Amino acid sequence: MKPADLALRIPVSVGPTAYVVHDTHLYSMPPDAIGIPGTLFLYQHRVRIVAGRFSAFHLRLFERNAKSTLPEHRTEAVAKASGKRGKRYLMREHLVDLGASALHRGAFGR
């Protein structure tokens, strides 16, 4: 077995914002996984998270306070937000996470 195939197993829980935190790094999970305990498999260059029937693969983050959001998790979170105002707020938050260029392009309908 190669070192790149070995993983540390770390107990985690999916937080109220559908993210798992490991060493200041945030990794997204499906919104239906909120509150479910799971295991984070920490590989040399990737991360696998399993919580109940949900799982996700991310590239491993090394920069402090970095955040990894998979596009399908972003879409599911917007779909789960309740009400028109809630959906707009969540869409705005996702655009802010993408950076200033996304906001300046008019991607968020005003």
N, C-alpha and C. Protein backbone atom coordinates (compact mmCIF):
# COMPACT_ATOMS: atom_id res chain seq x y z
N MET A 1 0.84 -1.18 0.00
CA MET A 1 0.00 0.00 0.00
C MET A 1 0.89 1.25 0.00
N LYS A 2 0.53 2.22 -0.82
CA LYS A 2 1.31 3.45 -0.95
C LYS A 2 0.88 4.45 0.15
N PRO A 3 1.79 5.34 0.56
CA PRO A 3 1.42 6.34 1.57
C PRO A 3 0.23 7.20 1.15
N ALA A 4 0.08 7.48 -0.14
CA ALA A 4 -1.05 8.31 -0.61
C ALA A 4 -2.39 7.61 -0.42
N ASP A 5 -2.36 6.28 -0.23
CA ASP A 5 -3.59 5.51 -0.04
C ASP A 5 -3.98 5.35 1.42
N LEU A 6 -3.13 5.81 2.33
CA LEU A 6 -3.41 5.68 3.77
C LEU A 6 -4.15 6.92 4.27
N ALA A 7 -5.08 6.71 5.17
CA ALA A 7 -5.87 7.83 5.68
C ALA A 7 -5.97 7.78 7.19
N LEU A 8 -5.97 8.97 7.80
CA LEU A 8 -6.30 9.08 9.22
C LEU A 8 -7.82 9.13 9.32
N ARG A 9 -8.38 8.49 10.33
CA ARG A 9 -9.83 8.52 10.56
C ARG A 9 -10.10 9.46 11.73
N ILE A 10 -10.89 10.48 11.45
CA ILE A 10 -11.16 11.51 12.46
C ILE A 10 -12.66 11.62 12.66
N PRO A 11 -13.15 11.44 13.89
CA PRO A 11 -14.60 11.60 14.14
C PRO A 11 -15.01 13.06 13.98
N VAL A 12 -16.12 13.28 13.28
CA VAL A 12 -16.62 14.63 13.02
C VAL A 12 -18.14 14.63 13.14
N SER A 13 -18.72 15.81 13.04
CA SER A 13 -20.16 15.98 12.99
C SER A 13 -20.46 17.06 11.97
N VAL A 14 -21.52 16.89 11.20
CA VAL A 14 -21.92 17.89 10.22
C VAL A 14 -22.63 19.01 10.98
N GLY A 15 -22.10 20.22 10.87
CA GLY A 15 -22.62 21.36 11.63
C GLY A 15 -23.92 21.91 11.07
N PRO A 16 -24.47 22.93 11.73
CA PRO A 16 -25.76 23.50 11.34
C PRO A 16 -25.75 24.22 10.00
N THR A 17 -24.57 24.50 9.46
CA THR A 17 -24.47 25.13 8.15
C THR A 17 -24.09 24.13 7.07
N ALA A 18 -24.14 22.83 7.40
CA ALA A 18 -23.81 21.72 6.48
C ALA A 18 -22.34 21.69 6.11
N TYR A 19 -21.49 22.09 7.05
CA TYR A 19 -20.04 22.00 6.86
C TYR A 19 -19.44 21.15 7.97
N VAL A 20 -18.36 20.49 7.64
CA VAL A 20 -17.56 19.75 8.62
C VAL A 20 -16.28 20.56 8.80
N VAL A 21 -15.88 20.77 10.04
CA VAL A 21 -14.67 21.54 10.33
C VAL A 21 -13.57 20.58 10.75
N HIS A 22 -12.41 20.76 10.11
CA HIS A 22 -11.21 20.02 10.52
C HIS A 22 -10.02 20.95 10.45
N ASP A 23 -9.41 21.21 11.59
CA ASP A 23 -8.18 22.02 11.66
C ASP A 23 -8.36 23.36 10.94
N THR A 24 -9.40 24.08 11.24
CA THR A 24 -9.79 25.39 10.68
C THR A 24 -10.30 25.32 9.24
N HIS A 25 -10.33 24.15 8.63
CA HIS A 25 -10.80 24.00 7.25
C HIS A 25 -12.26 23.57 7.24
N LEU A 26 -13.04 24.15 6.34
CA LEU A 26 -14.46 23.82 6.20
C LEU A 26 -14.68 23.02 4.92
N TYR A 27 -15.37 21.89 5.06
CA TYR A 27 -15.71 21.03 3.92
C TYR A 27 -17.23 20.87 3.88
N SER A 28 -17.83 21.11 2.72
CA SER A 28 -19.29 21.05 2.61
C SER A 28 -19.80 19.61 2.59
N MET A 29 -21.04 19.50 3.02
CA MET A 29 -21.79 18.24 2.99
C MET A 29 -23.21 18.58 2.53
N PRO A 30 -23.98 17.59 2.09
CA PRO A 30 -25.38 17.87 1.71
C PRO A 30 -26.16 18.41 2.91
N PRO A 31 -27.09 19.34 2.67
CA PRO A 31 -27.86 19.91 3.78
C PRO A 31 -28.65 18.88 4.59
N ASP A 32 -29.03 17.78 3.99
CA ASP A 32 -29.76 16.75 4.73
C ASP A 32 -28.87 16.03 5.75
N ALA A 33 -27.58 16.23 5.69
CA ALA A 33 -26.65 15.58 6.62
C ALA A 33 -26.43 16.41 7.89
N ILE A 34 -27.05 17.57 7.99
CA ILE A 34 -26.85 18.43 9.16
C ILE A 34 -27.15 17.67 10.44
N GLY A 35 -26.22 17.75 11.38
CA GLY A 35 -26.39 17.14 12.69
C GLY A 35 -25.97 15.69 12.78
N ILE A 36 -25.58 15.08 11.69
CA ILE A 36 -25.23 13.66 11.69
C ILE A 36 -23.74 13.48 12.00
N PRO A 37 -23.40 12.62 12.96
CA PRO A 37 -21.98 12.33 13.22
C PRO A 37 -21.41 11.48 12.09
N GLY A 38 -20.11 11.59 11.90
CA GLY A 38 -19.48 10.83 10.83
C GLY A 38 -17.99 10.68 11.02
N THR A 39 -17.32 10.32 9.95
CA THR A 39 -15.88 10.12 9.96
C THR A 39 -15.26 10.89 8.79
N LEU A 40 -14.20 11.61 9.08
CA LEU A 40 -13.43 12.28 8.05
C LEU A 40 -12.18 11.44 7.80
N PHE A 41 -11.99 11.03 6.56
CA PHE A 41 -10.81 10.26 6.17
C PHE A 41 -9.84 11.25 5.55
N LEU A 42 -8.73 11.48 6.23
CA LEU A 42 -7.76 12.48 5.82
C LEU A 42 -6.60 11.81 5.09
N TYR A 43 -6.57 12.00 3.77
CA TYR A 43 -5.51 11.46 2.93
C TYR A 43 -4.47 12.54 2.68
N GLN A 44 -3.42 12.18 1.99
CA GLN A 44 -2.34 13.13 1.70
C GLN A 44 -2.84 14.32 0.89
N HIS A 45 -3.68 14.09 -0.12
CA HIS A 45 -4.12 15.18 -1.00
C HIS A 45 -5.63 15.29 -1.14
N ARG A 46 -6.39 14.49 -0.41
CA ARG A 46 -7.84 14.55 -0.51
C ARG A 46 -8.47 14.23 0.84
N VAL A 47 -9.77 14.50 0.92
CA VAL A 47 -10.55 14.25 2.13
C VAL A 47 -11.82 13.54 1.71
N ARG A 48 -12.20 12.54 2.45
CA ARG A 48 -13.48 11.86 2.25
C ARG A 48 -14.24 11.96 3.56
N ILE A 49 -15.49 12.37 3.48
CA ILE A 49 -16.32 12.48 4.67
C ILE A 49 -17.52 11.56 4.50
N VAL A 50 -17.77 10.75 5.52
CA VAL A 50 -18.93 9.86 5.52
C VAL A 50 -19.74 10.15 6.78
N ALA A 51 -21.00 10.51 6.58
CA ALA A 51 -21.92 10.78 7.70
C ALA A 51 -23.24 10.10 7.37
N GLY A 52 -23.51 8.99 8.03
CA GLY A 52 -24.73 8.24 7.73
C GLY A 52 -24.70 7.76 6.29
N ARG A 53 -25.75 8.04 5.55
CA ARG A 53 -25.82 7.61 4.14
C ARG A 53 -25.19 8.63 3.19
N PHE A 54 -24.63 9.70 3.73
CA PHE A 54 -24.05 10.77 2.93
C PHE A 54 -22.53 10.67 2.90
N SER A 55 -21.95 11.01 1.75
CA SER A 55 -20.49 11.05 1.66
C SER A 55 -20.09 12.13 0.66
N ALA A 56 -18.87 12.63 0.83
CA ALA A 56 -18.35 13.66 -0.06
C ALA A 56 -16.84 13.53 -0.16
N PHE A 57 -16.31 13.83 -1.34
CA PHE A 57 -14.87 13.88 -1.58
C PHE A 57 -14.48 15.32 -1.88
N HIS A 58 -13.43 15.79 -1.24
CA HIS A 58 -12.89 17.13 -1.46
C HIS A 58 -11.38 17.02 -1.65
N LEU A 59 -10.80 18.00 -2.34
CA LEU A 59 -9.36 18.13 -2.32
C LEU A 59 -8.99 18.64 -0.93
N ARG A 60 -7.89 18.18 -0.40
CA ARG A 60 -7.48 18.58 0.94
C ARG A 60 -7.05 20.05 0.95
N LEU A 61 -7.48 20.78 1.95
CA LEU A 61 -7.14 22.18 2.10
C LEU A 61 -5.94 22.32 3.04
N PHE A 62 -5.06 23.25 2.73
CA PHE A 62 -3.89 23.45 3.58
C PHE A 62 -3.81 24.87 4.14
N GLU A 63 -4.43 25.84 3.46
CA GLU A 63 -4.41 27.22 3.92
C GLU A 63 -5.37 27.37 5.11
N ARG A 64 -4.95 28.09 6.15
CA ARG A 64 -5.80 28.28 7.33
C ARG A 64 -7.12 28.95 6.95
N ASN A 65 -8.19 28.49 7.56
CA ASN A 65 -9.55 29.02 7.38
C ASN A 65 -10.07 28.88 5.95
N ALA A 66 -9.49 27.99 5.17
CA ALA A 66 -9.97 27.77 3.80
C ALA A 66 -11.29 27.01 3.84
N LYS A 67 -12.05 27.15 2.75
CA LYS A 67 -13.38 26.56 2.68
C LYS A 67 -13.57 25.88 1.34
N SER A 68 -14.07 24.66 1.35
CA SER A 68 -14.35 23.92 0.13
C SER A 68 -15.84 23.61 0.07
N THR A 69 -16.50 24.15 -0.96
CA THR A 69 -17.92 23.91 -1.16
C THR A 69 -18.11 23.25 -2.53
N LEU A 70 -18.66 22.07 -2.53
CA LEU A 70 -18.93 21.39 -3.79
C LEU A 70 -20.16 22.01 -4.45
N PRO A 71 -20.16 22.18 -5.78
CA PRO A 71 -21.30 22.82 -6.46
C PRO A 71 -22.64 22.16 -6.17
N GLU A 72 -22.66 20.84 -6.09
CA GLU A 72 -23.94 20.16 -5.83
C GLU A 72 -24.46 20.45 -4.43
N HIS A 73 -23.56 20.67 -3.47
CA HIS A 73 -23.99 21.01 -2.11
C HIS A 73 -24.54 22.43 -2.07
N ARG A 74 -23.93 23.33 -2.84
CA ARG A 74 -24.41 24.72 -2.91
C ARG A 74 -25.84 24.74 -3.49
N THR A 75 -26.06 23.99 -4.55
CA THR A 75 -27.37 23.92 -5.19
C THR A 75 -28.42 23.34 -4.25
N GLU A 76 -28.07 22.26 -3.55
CA GLU A 76 -29.00 21.65 -2.61
C GLU A 76 -29.35 22.60 -1.47
N ALA A 77 -28.36 23.36 -1.00
CA ALA A 77 -28.61 24.29 0.11
C ALA A 77 -29.58 25.38 -0.30
N VAL A 78 -29.43 25.90 -1.52
CA VAL A 78 -30.35 26.93 -2.00
C VAL A 78 -31.75 26.35 -2.14
N ALA A 79 -31.85 25.14 -2.64
CA ALA A 79 -33.16 24.50 -2.80
C ALA A 79 -33.83 24.25 -1.46
N LYS A 80 -33.05 23.98 -0.42
CA LYS A 80 -33.61 23.68 0.91
C LYS A 80 -33.99 24.94 1.69
N ALA A 81 -33.44 26.10 1.30
CA ALA A 81 -33.75 27.34 2.03
C ALA A 81 -35.24 27.62 1.91
N SER A 82 -35.83 28.05 3.03
CA SER A 82 -37.28 28.27 3.01
C SER A 82 -37.62 29.71 2.68
N GLY A 83 -38.61 29.88 1.87
CA GLY A 83 -39.12 31.20 1.55
C GLY A 83 -38.23 31.96 0.57
N LYS A 84 -38.82 32.94 -0.06
CA LYS A 84 -38.12 33.75 -1.06
C LYS A 84 -36.96 34.51 -0.42
N ARG A 85 -37.19 35.11 0.74
CA ARG A 85 -36.14 35.88 1.41
C ARG A 85 -34.98 34.97 1.83
N GLY A 86 -35.29 33.79 2.35
CA GLY A 86 -34.26 32.85 2.76
C GLY A 86 -33.39 32.42 1.60
N LYS A 87 -34.01 32.16 0.46
CA LYS A 87 -33.26 31.75 -0.73
C LYS A 87 -32.36 32.87 -1.23
N ARG A 88 -32.87 34.10 -1.23
CA ARG A 88 -32.04 35.24 -1.66
C ARG A 88 -30.85 35.43 -0.73
N TYR A 89 -31.09 35.33 0.56
CA TYR A 89 -30.01 35.48 1.53
C TYR A 89 -28.94 34.41 1.31
N LEU A 90 -29.37 33.17 1.14
CA LEU A 90 -28.42 32.09 0.94
C LEU A 90 -27.66 32.25 -0.37
N MET A 91 -28.34 32.67 -1.44
CA MET A 91 -27.65 32.91 -2.70
C MET A 91 -26.61 34.01 -2.55
N ARG A 92 -26.96 35.07 -1.82
CA ARG A 92 -26.02 36.17 -1.58
C ARG A 92 -24.79 35.68 -0.82
N GLU A 93 -25.02 34.84 0.19
CA GLU A 93 -23.91 34.30 0.97
C GLU A 93 -22.98 33.46 0.09
N HIS A 94 -23.54 32.67 -0.79
CA HIS A 94 -22.72 31.86 -1.69
C HIS A 94 -21.92 32.75 -2.64
N LEU A 95 -22.52 33.83 -3.14
CA LEU A 95 -21.79 34.74 -4.02
C LEU A 95 -20.66 35.43 -3.27
N VAL A 96 -20.90 35.82 -2.04
CA VAL A 96 -19.85 36.43 -1.24
C VAL A 96 -18.68 35.46 -1.06
N ASP A 97 -19.01 34.19 -0.85
CA ASP A 97 -17.96 33.16 -0.73
C ASP A 97 -17.15 33.03 -2.02
N LEU A 98 -17.81 33.23 -3.17
CA LEU A 98 -17.10 33.12 -4.45
C LEU A 98 -16.15 34.28 -4.68
N GLY A 99 -16.42 35.42 -4.09
CA GLY A 99 -15.52 36.56 -4.20
C GLY A 99 -16.18 37.78 -4.81
N ALA A 100 -15.47 38.89 -4.74
CA ALA A 100 -15.99 40.17 -5.20
C ALA A 100 -16.31 40.18 -6.68
N SER A 101 -15.56 39.45 -7.49
CA SER A 101 -15.81 39.46 -8.94
C SER A 101 -17.20 38.92 -9.26
N ALA A 102 -17.68 37.93 -8.51
CA ALA A 102 -19.02 37.38 -8.74
C ALA A 102 -20.09 38.42 -8.43
N LEU A 103 -19.87 39.22 -7.40
CA LEU A 103 -20.84 40.25 -7.03
C LEU A 103 -20.85 41.39 -8.06
N HIS A 104 -19.68 41.75 -8.58
CA HIS A 104 -19.58 42.88 -9.53
C HIS A 104 -20.13 42.53 -10.90
N ARG A 105 -20.19 41.26 -11.23
CA ARG A 105 -20.70 40.85 -12.55
C ARG A 105 -22.21 40.89 -12.61
N GLY A 106 -22.84 41.20 -11.50
CA GLY A 106 -24.30 41.27 -11.50
C GLY A 106 -24.95 39.90 -11.44
N ALA A 107 -24.21 38.91 -10.93
CA ALA A 107 -24.76 37.57 -10.86
C ALA A 107 -25.94 37.49 -9.88
N PHE A 108 -25.98 38.40 -8.94
CA PHE A 108 -27.07 38.41 -7.97
C PHE A 108 -28.10 39.45 -8.43
N GLY A 109 -29.22 38.98 -8.88
CA GLY A 109 -30.27 39.88 -9.40
C GLY A 109 -30.77 40.81 -8.33
N ARG A 110 -30.78 42.08 -8.64
CA ARG A 110 -31.25 43.07 -7.67
C ARG A 110 -32.59 43.60 -8.06
